[in-house]
Every structure is written in structure tokens, then in C-alpha cells.
């Protein structure tokens, strides 16, 4: 029986609905489409920030140097980079309704400021019994250790948990350690998927 429902953040709860701001900067800076995301998220420094070996402010300082941006340009780039992100309020409401009959948790490959973002910017940190951040643990999904840390801190066995993520390799990683998992897309009917696993919603 599922006792804990565990969510990813970016790509599930928070999704980039409008890429206009990022594309505008890519055109201005002569970057290929999608290169801004690669620089911030998936390049060497982005991954260091998600592993917690550098802070988010050190990452953005590097981005400014790498793209040869002034302080004002970097602030504008940073603002525009996040401007198309939208929080899925309906999904947040579903998470809140899962409690107290089920534990809720978050596992995110994210920078060291995620708890502040969840608390001050989005006001949703209180929706989770547990928040596990890659930058704090020094481990990124799909490393099995980050999943093990999560279910152990929840006091659960892997088969008592379900993990929801937008990346198939993270879903596969969760399943590999015995967790149930759902591959999330914007078209996913999560209520139906969870009901199929035996949750009464």
C-alpha cells in the first residue's frame, strides 16, 4: 500500500510555459535555441550548483562572466530566464489533500536556495513532510542514494512510496530501487494514475 507520495519540483510542480524571455536573450547573445537552459542547468557549473559544490550566487556570477554581461544585464537575464515558469496550483492543491492520510515529499535536483524559493516565492514548503535537495545532499537523481535517503527519512519501505518525475531516467532510477513511479507530462492525469495505485483521493 502506498504511504508516501514523492514529487519532483521543476518540470512537475513548476513548469516553463513560456520560453520567450530565454529565446530573446539567446537571439541577443547569438546562442543556439535551448543553449540558455544548457548553460544554467546542464553545463559543468550548473551541475556543480545542483551538487552543492558551488552556491546559486556563484553559478549566476559565472553565467554573467561566461556571457560577458554587465551586472544590470545579468539581473535582467536572470529575471527573464525564470519569467515563463508557472506553478501548477491544481497539483499543489492535490498534494495538500493527500495529507494527512499520506506523507508527501519532494526530491529535486536543485540549487542551495530551493527551500527559500519554496517558502518565500511560492509558499508551498509547508505542503511537504520532507524536502530533499540535491545541493544539500551532494547527490543528484537518478543516483539511488537520493531515493534511499528519502524513503528512510520518511520511515517507509520503497514499495510504500511512489515517485513522480518528468524525466524518464529519474523514473527508471526510482523503479530500480523498488519504488513505484509515474512519468509525468503536462497531459498526465495524476489523480487517475494515483487512484490506479490504490490511493483513495
C-alpha atoms as a PDB file:
ATOM      1  CA  UNK A   1       0.000   0.000   0.000  1.00  0.00           C
ATOM      2  CA  UNK A   2       1.279   3.455  -0.911  1.00  0.00           C
ATOM      3  CA  UNK A   3       2.031   5.511   2.187  1.00  0.00           C
ATOM      4  CA  UNK A   4       4.116   8.348   0.730  1.00  0.00           C
ATOM      5  CA  UNK A   5       3.816  10.338  -2.497  1.00  0.00           C
ATOM      6  CA  UNK A   6       7.055  11.976  -3.630  1.00  0.00           C
ATOM      7  CA  UNK A   7       7.249  14.719  -6.246  1.00  0.00           C
ATOM      8  CA  UNK A   8       9.854  16.360  -8.405  1.00  0.00           C
ATOM      9  CA  UNK A   9       9.700  20.165  -8.492  1.00  0.00           C
ATOM     10  CA  UNK A  10      10.922  21.595 -11.803  1.00  0.00           C
ATOM     11  CA  UNK A  11       9.026  20.091 -14.722  1.00  0.00           C
ATOM     12  CA  UNK A  12       6.242  18.774 -12.494  1.00  0.00           C
ATOM     13  CA  UNK A  13       5.085  21.377  -9.980  1.00  0.00           C
ATOM     14  CA  UNK A  14       6.830  24.263 -11.712  1.00  0.00           C
ATOM     15  CA  UNK A  15       6.854  24.209 -15.498  1.00  0.00           C
ATOM     16  CA  UNK A  16       8.242  26.596 -18.097  1.00  0.00           C
ATOM     17  CA  UNK A  17       5.127  27.525 -20.060  1.00  0.00           C
ATOM     18  CA  UNK A  18       6.640  30.455 -21.971  1.00  0.00           C
ATOM     19  CA  UNK A  19      10.206  30.397 -23.331  1.00  0.00           C
ATOM     20  CA  UNK A  20      10.022  33.906 -24.808  1.00  0.00           C
ATOM     21  CA  UNK A  21      12.364  35.513 -22.295  1.00  0.00           C
ATOM     22  CA  UNK A  22      15.022  32.857 -22.745  1.00  0.00           C
ATOM     23  CA  UNK A  23      14.757  32.854 -26.535  1.00  0.00           C
ATOM     24  CA  UNK A  24      15.026  36.648 -26.683  1.00  0.00           C
ATOM     25  CA  UNK A  25      18.324  36.543 -24.786  1.00  0.00           C
ATOM     26  CA  UNK A  26      19.610  33.668 -26.919  1.00  0.00           C
ATOM     27  CA  UNK A  27      18.982  35.737 -30.038  1.00  0.00           C
ATOM     28  CA  UNK A  28      20.588  38.804 -28.486  1.00  0.00           C
ATOM     29  CA  UNK A  29      23.683  36.866 -27.401  1.00  0.00           C
ATOM     30  CA  UNK A  30      23.991  34.722 -30.530  1.00  0.00           C
ATOM     31  CA  UNK A  31      23.242  31.488 -28.693  1.00  0.00           C
ATOM     32  CA  UNK A  32      21.537  28.442 -30.171  1.00  0.00           C
ATOM     33  CA  UNK A  33      17.942  27.757 -29.165  1.00  0.00           C
ATOM     34  CA  UNK A  34      17.944  25.963 -25.817  1.00  0.00           C
ATOM     35  CA  UNK A  35      21.528  26.953 -25.026  1.00  0.00           C
ATOM     36  CA  UNK A  36      20.493  29.219 -22.155  1.00  0.00           C
ATOM     37  CA  UNK A  37      18.921  26.250 -20.354  1.00  0.00           C
ATOM     38  CA  UNK A  38      22.006  24.154 -21.003  1.00  0.00           C
ATOM     39  CA  UNK A  39      24.319  26.823 -19.580  1.00  0.00           C
ATOM     40  CA  UNK A  40      22.251  27.314 -16.418  1.00  0.00           C
ATOM     41  CA  UNK A  41      21.137  23.730 -15.777  1.00  0.00           C
ATOM     42  CA  UNK A  42      23.198  21.138 -17.581  1.00  0.00           C
ATOM     43  CA  UNK A  43      26.634  22.597 -18.136  1.00  0.00           C
ATOM     44  CA  UNK A  44      29.517  21.852 -15.801  1.00  0.00           C
ATOM     45  CA  UNK A  45      28.787  24.783 -13.484  1.00  0.00           C
ATOM     46  CA  UNK A  46      25.044  24.153 -13.445  1.00  0.00           C
ATOM     47  CA  UNK A  47      25.655  20.588 -12.350  1.00  0.00           C
ATOM     48  CA  UNK A  48      28.164  21.756  -9.731  1.00  0.00           C
ATOM     49  CA  UNK A  49      25.459  24.034  -8.303  1.00  0.00           C
ATOM     50  CA  UNK A  50      22.978  21.152  -8.226  1.00  0.00           C
ATOM     51  CA  UNK A  51      25.597  19.014  -6.475  1.00  0.00           C
ATOM     52  CA  UNK A  52      26.135  21.793  -3.946  1.00  0.00           C
ATOM     53  CA  UNK A  53      29.823  22.316  -4.680  1.00  0.00           C
ATOM     54  CA  UNK A  54      29.081  25.942  -5.594  1.00  0.00           C
ATOM     55  CA  UNK A  55      26.225  28.198  -4.454  1.00  0.00           C
ATOM     56  CA  UNK A  56      23.487  29.544  -6.680  1.00  0.00           C
ATOM     57  CA  UNK A  57      25.020  33.025  -6.453  1.00  0.00           C
ATOM     58  CA  UNK A  58      28.383  31.652  -7.573  1.00  0.00           C
ATOM     59  CA  UNK A  59      26.621  29.984 -10.500  1.00  0.00           C
ATOM     60  CA  UNK A  60      24.961  33.218 -11.618  1.00  0.00           C
ATOM     61  CA  UNK A  61      28.194  35.162 -11.226  1.00  0.00           C
ATOM     62  CA  UNK A  62      29.837  32.622 -13.517  1.00  0.00           C
ATOM     63  CA  UNK A  63      26.949  32.891 -16.007  1.00  0.00           C
ATOM     64  CA  UNK A  64      27.463  36.663 -16.097  1.00  0.00           C
ATOM     65  CA  UNK A  65      31.183  36.255 -16.767  1.00  0.00           C
ATOM     66  CA  UNK A  66      30.648  33.495 -19.331  1.00  0.00           C
ATOM     67  CA  UNK A  67      28.115  35.553 -21.291  1.00  0.00           C
ATOM     68  CA  UNK A  68      30.025  38.818 -20.725  1.00  0.00           C
ATOM     69  CA  UNK A  69      27.038  40.530 -19.121  1.00  0.00           C
ATOM     70  CA  UNK A  70      27.100  43.673 -17.010  1.00  0.00           C
ATOM     71  CA  UNK A  71      25.551  43.481 -13.544  1.00  0.00           C
ATOM     72  CA  UNK A  72      22.353  45.070 -14.878  1.00  0.00           C
ATOM     73  CA  UNK A  73      22.257  42.728 -17.881  1.00  0.00           C
ATOM     74  CA  UNK A  74      22.770  39.700 -15.681  1.00  0.00           C
ATOM     75  CA  UNK A  75      19.914  40.777 -13.401  1.00  0.00           C
ATOM     76  CA  UNK A  76      17.660  41.157 -16.452  1.00  0.00           C
ATOM     77  CA  UNK A  77      18.809  37.835 -17.925  1.00  0.00           C
ATOM     78  CA  UNK A  78      18.158  36.086 -14.617  1.00  0.00           C
ATOM     79  CA  UNK A  79      14.704  37.656 -14.299  1.00  0.00           C
ATOM     80  CA  UNK A  80      13.752  36.808 -17.866  1.00  0.00           C
ATOM     81  CA  UNK A  81      15.130  33.281 -17.554  1.00  0.00           C
ATOM     82  CA  UNK A  82      12.522  32.441 -14.896  1.00  0.00           C
ATOM     83  CA  UNK A  83       9.725  34.673 -16.216  1.00  0.00           C
ATOM     84  CA  UNK A  84       7.903  31.910 -18.106  1.00  0.00           C
ATOM     85  CA  UNK A  85       7.728  29.491 -15.166  1.00  0.00           C
ATOM     86  CA  UNK A  86       4.257  28.722 -13.823  1.00  0.00           C
ATOM     87  CA  UNK A  87       3.345  26.890 -10.625  1.00  0.00           C
ATOM     88  CA  UNK A  88       0.664  24.226 -11.084  1.00  0.00           C
ATOM     89  CA  UNK A  89      -1.765  25.363  -8.397  1.00  0.00           C
ATOM     90  CA  UNK A  90      -4.164  22.454  -9.043  1.00  0.00           C
ATOM     91  CA  UNK A  91      -1.354  19.994  -8.412  1.00  0.00           C
ATOM     92  CA  UNK A  92      -0.360  21.829  -5.233  1.00  0.00           C
ATOM     93  CA  UNK A  93      -3.974  21.545  -4.064  1.00  0.00           C
ATOM     94  CA  UNK A  94      -3.903  17.800  -4.779  1.00  0.00           C
ATOM     95  CA  UNK A  95      -0.721  17.455  -2.727  1.00  0.00           C
ATOM     96  CA  UNK A  96      -2.294  19.255   0.201  1.00  0.00           C
ATOM     97  CA  UNK A  97      -5.353  16.975   0.007  1.00  0.00           C
ATOM     98  CA  UNK A  98      -3.137  13.891   0.180  1.00  0.00           C
ATOM     99  CA  UNK A  99      -2.316  14.777   3.771  1.00  0.00           C
ATOM    100  CA  UNK A 100      -2.694  13.630   6.459  1.00  0.00           C
ATOM    101  CA  UNK A 101      -3.661  10.201   5.075  1.00  0.00           C
ATOM    102  CA  UNK A 102      -0.382  10.075   3.114  1.00  0.00           C
ATOM    103  CA  UNK A 103       3.057  11.545   3.602  1.00  0.00           C
ATOM    104  CA  UNK A 104       4.214  13.950   0.912  1.00  0.00           C
ATOM    105  CA  UNK A 105       7.783  14.682  -0.081  1.00  0.00           C
ATOM    106  CA  UNK A 106       9.850  16.484  -2.687  1.00  0.00           C
ATOM    107  CA  UNK A 107      13.087  15.357  -4.332  1.00  0.00           C
ATOM    108  CA  UNK A 108      14.666  17.985  -6.549  1.00  0.00           C
ATOM    109  CA  UNK A 109      17.921  18.339  -8.428  1.00  0.00           C
ATOM    110  CA  UNK A 110      18.193  21.972  -7.405  1.00  0.00           C
ATOM    111  CA  UNK A 111      20.436  24.704  -6.063  1.00  0.00           C
ATOM    112  CA  UNK A 112      21.076  25.557  -2.439  1.00  0.00           C
ATOM    113  CA  UNK A 113      18.323  28.208  -2.417  1.00  0.00           C
ATOM    114  CA  UNK A 114      15.404  25.841  -3.139  1.00  0.00           C
ATOM    115  CA  UNK A 115      13.975  25.879   0.398  1.00  0.00           C
ATOM    116  CA  UNK A 116      13.910  29.672   0.324  1.00  0.00           C
ATOM    117  CA  UNK A 117      12.241  29.640  -3.106  1.00  0.00           C
ATOM    118  CA  UNK A 118       9.604  27.157  -1.947  1.00  0.00           C
ATOM    119  CA  UNK A 119       8.907  29.155   1.216  1.00  0.00           C
ATOM    120  CA  UNK A 120       9.165  32.799   0.200  1.00  0.00           C
ATOM    121  CA  UNK A 121       8.411  32.808  -3.521  1.00  0.00           C
ATOM    122  CA  UNK A 122       5.810  30.072  -3.848  1.00  0.00           C
ATOM    123  CA  UNK A 123       4.605  29.490  -0.283  1.00  0.00           C
ATOM    124  CA  UNK A 124       4.398  25.709  -0.691  1.00  0.00           C
ATOM    125  CA  UNK A 125       7.140  24.318   1.563  1.00  0.00           C
ATOM    126  CA  UNK A 126       4.519  23.504   4.181  1.00  0.00           C
ATOM    127  CA  UNK A 127       2.784  21.127   1.747  1.00  0.00           C
ATOM    128  CA  UNK A 128       5.565  18.577   2.240  1.00  0.00           C
ATOM    129  CA  UNK A 129       6.566  16.401   5.161  1.00  0.00           C
ATOM    130  CA  UNK A 130      10.064  16.166   3.705  1.00  0.00           C
ATOM    131  CA  UNK A 131      12.099  18.147   1.168  1.00  0.00           C
ATOM    132  CA  UNK A 132      15.279  16.585  -0.232  1.00  0.00           C
ATOM    133  CA  UNK A 133      17.517  18.901  -2.263  1.00  0.00           C
ATOM    134  CA  UNK A 134      20.435  17.608  -4.336  1.00  0.00           C
ATOM    135  CA  UNK A 135      22.637  20.591  -3.457  1.00  0.00           C
ATOM    136  CA  UNK A 136      22.236  19.822   0.246  1.00  0.00           C
ATOM    137  CA  UNK A 137      22.899  16.095  -0.132  1.00  0.00           C
ATOM    138  CA  UNK A 138      25.642  16.264  -2.748  1.00  0.00           C
ATOM    139  CA  UNK A 139      23.709  13.654  -4.739  1.00  0.00           C
ATOM    140  CA  UNK A 140      21.563  14.069  -7.842  1.00  0.00           C
ATOM    141  CA  UNK A 141      18.770  11.950  -9.241  1.00  0.00           C
ATOM    142  CA  UNK A 142      18.870   9.258 -10.542  1.00  0.00           C
ATOM    143  CA  UNK A 143      21.573   8.207  -8.060  1.00  0.00           C
ATOM    144  CA  UNK A 144      19.857   5.508  -5.967  1.00  0.00           C
ATOM    145  CA  UNK A 145      21.162   7.051  -2.750  1.00  0.00           C
ATOM    146  CA  UNK A 146      18.916  10.103  -3.018  1.00  0.00           C
ATOM    147  CA  UNK A 147      15.859   7.877  -3.259  1.00  0.00           C
ATOM    148  CA  UNK A 148      17.045   5.730  -0.342  1.00  0.00           C
ATOM    149  CA  UNK A 149      17.655   8.821   1.809  1.00  0.00           C
ATOM    150  CA  UNK A 150      14.116   9.978   1.108  1.00  0.00           C
ATOM    151  CA  UNK A 151      12.204   6.830   1.994  1.00  0.00           C
ATOM    152  CA  UNK A 152      14.402   6.206   5.035  1.00  0.00           C
ATOM    153  CA  UNK A 153      13.737   9.702   6.397  1.00  0.00           C
ATOM    154  CA  UNK A 154      10.035   9.138   5.820  1.00  0.00           C
ATOM    155  CA  UNK A 155      10.266   5.870   7.738  1.00  0.00           C
ATOM    156  CA  UNK A 156       8.997   3.882   4.745  1.00  0.00           C
ATOM    157  CA  UNK A 157       9.955   0.946   2.585  1.00  0.00           C
ATOM    158  CA  UNK A 158      10.452   1.648  -1.130  1.00  0.00           C
ATOM    159  CA  UNK A 159       7.338  -0.297  -2.112  1.00  0.00           C
ATOM    160  CA  UNK A 160       5.301   2.028   0.123  1.00  0.00           C
ATOM    161  CA  UNK A 161       6.299   5.051  -1.961  1.00  0.00           C
ATOM    162  CA  UNK A 162       5.515   6.471  -5.389  1.00  0.00           C
ATOM    163  CA  UNK A 163       7.776   8.973  -7.136  1.00  0.00           C
ATOM    164  CA  UNK A 164       6.600  11.415  -9.824  1.00  0.00           C
ATOM    165  CA  UNK A 165       9.113  12.990 -12.226  1.00  0.00           C
ATOM    166  CA  UNK A 166       9.170  14.421 -15.742  1.00  0.00           C
ATOM    167  CA  UNK A 167      12.457  12.755 -16.741  1.00  0.00           C
ATOM    168  CA  UNK A 168      12.242   9.098 -17.744  1.00  0.00           C
ATOM    169  CA  UNK A 169      15.734   8.311 -16.435  1.00  0.00           C
ATOM    170  CA  UNK A 170      14.742   9.527 -12.964  1.00  0.00           C
ATOM    171  CA  UNK A 171      11.568   7.448 -13.117  1.00  0.00           C
ATOM    172  CA  UNK A 172      13.650   4.420 -14.123  1.00  0.00           C
ATOM    173  CA  UNK A 173      16.064   5.120 -11.264  1.00  0.00           C
ATOM    174  CA  UNK A 174      13.238   5.128  -8.726  1.00  0.00           C
ATOM    175  CA  UNK A 175      11.796   1.902 -10.090  1.00  0.00           C
ATOM    176  CA  UNK A 176      15.235   0.289  -9.997  1.00  0.00           C
ATOM    177  CA  UNK A 177      15.331   0.654  -6.207  1.00  0.00           C
ATOM    178  CA  UNK A 178      11.826  -0.751  -5.723  1.00  0.00           C
ATOM    179  CA  UNK A 179       9.692   2.381  -5.693  1.00  0.00           C
ATOM    180  CA  UNK A 180       6.543   2.866  -7.700  1.00  0.00           C
ATOM    181  CA  UNK A 181       6.990   5.685 -10.195  1.00  0.00           C
ATOM    182  CA  UNK A 182       4.969   7.802 -12.614  1.00  0.00           C
ATOM    183  CA  UNK A 183       6.457   9.547 -15.654  1.00  0.00           C
ATOM    184  CA  UNK A 184       4.833  12.962 -15.589  1.00  0.00           C
ATOM    185  CA  UNK A 185       3.913  15.015 -18.649  1.00  0.00           C
ATOM    186  CA  UNK A 186       1.605  18.060 -18.824  1.00  0.00           C
ATOM    187  CA  UNK A 187      -1.079  15.675 -20.099  1.00  0.00           C
ATOM    188  CA  UNK A 188      -0.759  13.249 -17.182  1.00  0.00           C
ATOM    189  CA  UNK A 189      -3.964  12.733 -15.218  1.00  0.00           C
ATOM    190  CA  UNK A 190      -2.197  12.327 -11.910  1.00  0.00           C
ATOM    191  CA  UNK A 191      -5.358  11.726  -9.936  1.00  0.00           C
ATOM    192  CA  UNK A 192      -6.183   8.741 -12.166  1.00  0.00           C
ATOM    193  CA  UNK A 193      -2.609   7.434 -12.016  1.00  0.00           C
ATOM    194  CA  UNK A 194      -2.555   7.579  -8.208  1.00  0.00           C
ATOM    195  CA  UNK A 195      -6.003   6.006  -7.934  1.00  0.00           C
ATOM    196  CA  UNK A 196      -4.748   3.108 -10.084  1.00  0.00           C
ATOM    197  CA  UNK A 197      -2.059   2.528  -7.459  1.00  0.00           C
ATOM    198  CA  UNK A 198      -4.721   2.202  -4.782  1.00  0.00           C
ATOM    199  CA  UNK A 199      -4.804   5.717  -3.339  1.00  0.00           C
ATOM    200  CA  UNK A 200      -8.239   6.942  -2.354  1.00  0.00           C
ATOM    201  CA  UNK A 201      -8.455  10.577  -3.404  1.00  0.00           C
END
